[in-house]
C-alpha atoms as a PDB file:
ATOM      1  CA  MET A   1      24.566 -14.623  -2.968  1.00  0.00           C
ATOM      2  CA  SER A   2      21.613 -14.321  -0.514  1.00  0.00           C
ATOM      3  CA  TYR A   3      19.236 -12.015  -0.932  1.00  0.00           C
ATOM      4  CA  ARG A   4      19.881  -8.648   1.359  1.00  0.00           C
ATOM      5  CA  ASN A   5      17.163  -5.948   2.155  1.00  0.00           C
ATOM      6  CA  GLN A   6      19.790  -2.962   2.589  1.00  0.00           C
ATOM      7  CA  SER A   7      16.728  -0.655   3.894  1.00  0.00           C
ATOM      8  CA  LEU A   8      15.696  -2.876   6.387  1.00  0.00           C
ATOM      9  CA  GLU A   9      18.621  -3.838   7.343  1.00  0.00           C
ATOM     10  CA  GLN A  10      19.834  -0.390   7.968  1.00  0.00           C
ATOM     11  CA  LEU A  11      16.686   0.680   9.942  1.00  0.00           C
ATOM     12  CA  ILE A  12      17.237  -2.165  12.468  1.00  0.00           C
ATOM     13  CA  PHE A  13      21.393  -1.487  12.645  1.00  0.00           C
ATOM     14  CA  ASP A  14      19.892   2.145  13.501  1.00  0.00           C
ATOM     15  CA  PHE A  15      17.242   1.005  15.560  1.00  0.00           C
ATOM     16  CA  LEU A  16      19.751  -0.972  18.015  1.00  0.00           C
ATOM     17  CA  SER A  17      22.311   1.575  17.912  1.00  0.00           C
ATOM     18  CA  MET A  18      19.815   3.729  19.231  1.00  0.00           C
ATOM     19  CA  VAL A  19      18.987   1.556  22.083  1.00  0.00           C
ATOM     20  CA  ASP A  20      22.494   0.800  22.443  1.00  0.00           C
ATOM     21  CA  LYS A  21      23.199   4.667  23.082  1.00  0.00           C
ATOM     22  CA  ALA A  22      20.055   4.474  25.235  1.00  0.00           C
ATOM     23  CA  THR A  23      20.996   1.848  27.584  1.00  0.00           C
ATOM     24  CA  ALA A  24      24.964   3.150  27.986  1.00  0.00           C
ATOM     25  CA  LEU A  25      22.880   6.438  29.101  1.00  0.00           C
ATOM     26  CA  LEU A  26      20.824   4.704  31.660  1.00  0.00           C
ATOM     27  CA  GLU A  27      24.061   2.499  32.884  1.00  0.00           C
ATOM     28  CA  GLU A  28      25.764   5.779  33.623  1.00  0.00           C
ATOM     29  CA  LYS A  29      23.096   7.417  35.150  1.00  0.00           C
ATOM     30  CA  PHE A  30      21.799   3.829  37.529  1.00  0.00           C
ATOM     31  CA  SER A  31      24.843   2.021  36.888  1.00  0.00           C
ATOM     32  CA  ASN A  32      22.846  -0.660  35.197  1.00  0.00           C
ATOM     33  CA  ARG A  33      21.620  -1.146  31.681  1.00  0.00           C
ATOM     34  CA  CYS A  34      18.551  -2.669  32.675  1.00  0.00           C
ATOM     35  CA  ILE A  35      16.550  -0.691  34.949  1.00  0.00           C
ATOM     36  CA  LEU A  36      13.464  -2.597  35.406  1.00  0.00           C
ATOM     37  CA  ARG A  37      14.379  -4.008  38.672  1.00  0.00           C
ATOM     38  CA  GLN A  38      14.993  -0.569  40.652  1.00  0.00           C
ATOM     39  CA  TRP A  39      12.214   0.566  39.400  1.00  0.00           C
ATOM     40  CA  ARG A  40      10.045  -2.475  40.470  1.00  0.00           C
ATOM     41  CA  THR A  41      11.701  -2.023  44.348  1.00  0.00           C
ATOM     42  CA  ASN A  42      11.391   1.556  43.910  1.00  0.00           C
ATOM     43  CA  GLU A  43      14.677   2.244  43.959  1.00  0.00           C
ATOM     44  CA  ILE A  44      13.787   4.519  41.296  1.00  0.00           C
ATOM     45  CA  GLU A  45      10.756   6.546  39.300  1.00  0.00           C
ATOM     46  CA  ARG A  46       9.232   5.335  36.861  1.00  0.00           C
ATOM     47  CA  CYS A  47       9.819   8.439  34.673  1.00  0.00           C
ATOM     48  CA  GLY A  48      12.615  10.743  35.417  1.00  0.00           C
ATOM     49  CA  THR A  49      15.603  12.438  33.772  1.00  0.00           C
ATOM     50  CA  ILE A  50      18.584  10.784  33.064  1.00  0.00           C
ATOM     51  CA  ILE A  51      20.863  13.785  32.210  1.00  0.00           C
ATOM     52  CA  GLY A  52      20.043  16.893  30.216  1.00  0.00           C
ATOM     53  CA  ASP A  53      17.285  17.284  28.294  1.00  0.00           C
ATOM     54  CA  ILE A  54      16.980  13.390  27.708  1.00  0.00           C
ATOM     55  CA  THR A  55      14.373  11.791  29.943  1.00  0.00           C
ATOM     56  CA  TYR A  56      12.955   7.741  30.164  1.00  0.00           C
ATOM     57  CA  GLU A  57       9.755   6.422  31.164  1.00  0.00           C
ATOM     58  CA  LEU A  58       9.720   2.701  32.308  1.00  0.00           C
ATOM     59  CA  HIS A  59       6.811   0.748  31.044  1.00  0.00           C
ATOM     60  CA  GLY A  60       5.805  -3.249  31.463  1.00  0.00           C
ATOM     61  CA  VAL A  61       8.725  -5.115  30.564  1.00  0.00           C
ATOM     62  CA  GLY A  62      10.628  -2.128  28.734  1.00  0.00           C
ATOM     63  CA  CYS A  63      11.704   1.902  28.763  1.00  0.00           C
ATOM     64  CA  ALA A  64      10.919   4.565  26.115  1.00  0.00           C
ATOM     65  CA  VAL A  65      13.782   7.023  26.702  1.00  0.00           C
ATOM     66  CA  TYR A  66      13.476  10.728  24.374  1.00  0.00           C
ATOM     67  CA  PHE A  67      16.283  12.403  23.045  1.00  0.00           C
ATOM     68  CA  PRO A  68      16.129  16.100  21.964  1.00  0.00           C
ATOM     69  CA  ASP A  69      15.035  14.636  18.451  1.00  0.00           C
ATOM     70  CA  THR A  70      13.561  10.958  18.822  1.00  0.00           C
ATOM     71  CA  CYS A  71      12.639   8.384  21.040  1.00  0.00           C
ATOM     72  CA  ILE A  72      13.690   5.173  21.272  1.00  0.00           C
ATOM     73  CA  ASP A  73      11.358   2.272  22.771  1.00  0.00           C
ATOM     74  CA  PHE A  74      12.588  -1.403  23.210  1.00  0.00           C
ATOM     75  CA  ASP A  75      11.755  -3.652  25.842  1.00  0.00           C
ATOM     76  CA  TYR A  76      14.020  -5.998  27.702  1.00  0.00           C
ATOM     77  CA  GLY A  77      14.615  -9.498  26.981  1.00  0.00           C
ATOM     78  CA  PRO A  78      15.466 -12.611  28.983  1.00  0.00           C
ATOM     79  CA  ASP A  79      18.781 -11.721  31.367  1.00  0.00           C
ATOM     80  CA  GLY A  80      18.509  -8.126  30.528  1.00  0.00           C
ATOM     81  CA  ARG A  81      19.286  -8.430  26.855  1.00  0.00           C
ATOM     82  CA  THR A  82      18.444  -5.228  24.748  1.00  0.00           C
ATOM     83  CA  ASP A  83      19.079  -7.076  21.325  1.00  0.00           C
ATOM     84  CA  GLY A  84      15.789  -7.401  20.868  1.00  0.00           C
ATOM     85  CA  PHE A  85      12.955  -5.976  18.035  1.00  0.00           C
ATOM     86  CA  ASP A  86       9.882  -6.331  16.645  1.00  0.00           C
ATOM     87  CA  VAL A  87       8.334  -4.940  13.911  1.00  0.00           C
ATOM     88  CA  TRP A  88       5.984  -2.707  15.970  1.00  0.00           C
ATOM     89  CA  ARG A  89       9.278  -1.241  17.272  1.00  0.00           C
ATOM     90  CA  LEU A  90      10.985  -0.843  14.138  1.00  0.00           C
ATOM     91  CA  TYR A  91       7.477   0.937  12.895  1.00  0.00           C
ATOM     92  CA  ILE A  92       7.471   3.680  15.895  1.00  0.00           C
ATOM     93  CA  PHE A  93      11.257   4.269  15.272  1.00  0.00           C
ATOM     94  CA  ALA A  94      10.924   4.885  11.833  1.00  0.00           C
ATOM     95  CA  CYS A  95       8.059   7.212  12.349  1.00  0.00           C
ATOM     96  CA  GLU A  96      10.324   9.126  14.509  1.00  0.00           C
ATOM     97  CA  LEU A  97      12.671   9.487  11.422  1.00  0.00           C
ATOM     98  CA  PRO A  98       9.809   9.977   8.504  1.00  0.00           C
ATOM     99  CA  THR A  99      12.783  11.405   6.211  1.00  0.00           C
ATOM    100  CA  LYS A 100      15.259   9.154   6.422  1.00  0.00           C
ATOM    101  CA  TYR A 101      12.966   5.391   6.705  1.00  0.00           C
ATOM    102  CA  LYS A 102       9.517   6.800   4.660  1.00  0.00           C
ATOM    103  CA  LYS A 103       9.149   3.461   3.118  1.00  0.00           C
ATOM    104  CA  TYR A 104       8.391   1.878   6.844  1.00  0.00           C
ATOM    105  CA  THR A 105       6.220   4.505   8.198  1.00  0.00           C
ATOM    106  CA  ASP A 106       3.983   1.840   6.110  1.00  0.00           C
ATOM    107  CA  SER A 107       3.602  -0.812   8.387  1.00  0.00           C
ATOM    108  CA  LYS A 108       2.131  -3.054   5.928  1.00  0.00           C
ATOM    109  CA  VAL A 109       5.915  -2.794   3.919  1.00  0.00           C
ATOM    110  CA  LEU A 110       7.486  -2.655   7.020  1.00  0.00           C
ATOM    111  CA  GLU A 111       5.812  -6.213   8.020  1.00  0.00           C
ATOM    112  CA  ALA A 112       6.036  -7.759   4.615  1.00  0.00           C
ATOM    113  CA  GLU A 113       9.695  -7.088   4.733  1.00  0.00           C
ATOM    114  CA  PHE A 114      10.096  -8.319   7.835  1.00  0.00           C
ATOM    115  CA  ARG A 115       8.177 -11.527   7.435  1.00  0.00           C
ATOM    116  CA  GLU A 116      10.109 -12.211   4.399  1.00  0.00           C
ATOM    117  CA  TYR A 117      13.699 -11.809   6.529  1.00  0.00           C
ATOM    118  CA  LEU A 118      12.104 -13.835   8.981  1.00  0.00           C
ATOM    119  CA  GLN A 119      11.171 -16.862   6.785  1.00  0.00           C
ATOM    120  CA  LEU A 120      15.101 -16.414   4.966  1.00  0.00           C
ATOM    121  CA  GLY A 121      16.226 -17.366   8.738  1.00  0.00           C
ATOM    122  CA  LYS A 122      17.940 -13.814   9.476  1.00  0.00           C
ATOM    123  CA  PHE A 123      15.998 -13.427  12.395  1.00  0.00           C
ATOM    124  CA  GLU A 124      15.260 -15.697  15.222  1.00  0.00           C
ATOM    125  CA  LYS A 125      12.681 -15.357  18.313  1.00  0.00           C
ATOM    126  CA  MET A 126      14.033 -14.869  21.081  1.00  0.00           C
ATOM    127  CA  SER A 127      13.275 -17.526  23.698  1.00  0.00           C
ATOM    128  CA  ASP A 128      11.516 -16.860  27.334  1.00  0.00           C
ATOM    129  CA  SER A 129      10.918 -12.920  25.563  1.00  0.00           C
ATOM    130  CA  PRO A 130       7.289 -11.766  27.461  1.00  0.00           C
ATOM    131  CA  GLY A 131       6.463 -10.567  23.982  1.00  0.00           C
ATOM    132  CA  GLN A 132       7.372 -11.653  20.143  1.00  0.00           C
ATOM    133  CA  LEU A 133      10.955 -10.344  20.508  1.00  0.00           C
ATOM    134  CA  TYR A 134      13.240 -11.345  17.290  1.00  0.00           C
ATOM    135  CA  PHE A 135      16.749 -10.810  17.354  1.00  0.00           C
ATOM    136  CA  LEU A 136      19.523 -11.451  14.857  1.00  0.00           C
ATOM    137  CA  SER A 137      19.939 -15.002  13.787  1.00  0.00           C
ATOM    138  CA  THR A 138      24.054 -16.089  14.305  1.00  0.00           C
ATOM    139  CA  GLY A 139      25.891 -14.391  11.730  1.00  0.00           C
ATOM    140  CA  GLY A 140      23.725 -11.155  11.229  1.00  0.00           C
ATOM    141  CA  PHE A 141      22.886 -10.301   8.114  1.00  0.00           C
END
């Protein structure tokens, strides 16, 4: 049986689920999940409202979507991929929900567990990624 860290897996699963939820809303509003090009060609504003009290803010190669109770900040990967994550974004997400992810509000704990999973081959670096984005290895957890 292989080693599993269910709390880290849950954090990543929840992060990716929130990214999916955010990008689905962006697609409804702008007919595209990856709206960077639309921003760079001045078709849309850098910041704005998606629907109701849900807003977005584009930055560099990413986007922050502000829901009433939390914010999800993610970077777009090659070809508009949205399944990438890194320690920093997971840490920020954990800090948005500290009662659920108290353990991961300590960045050193998160970094150590992330590194361990990376060494086990559970994550792969996203090639052509503008930063240090990773994705789940084939087969996931």
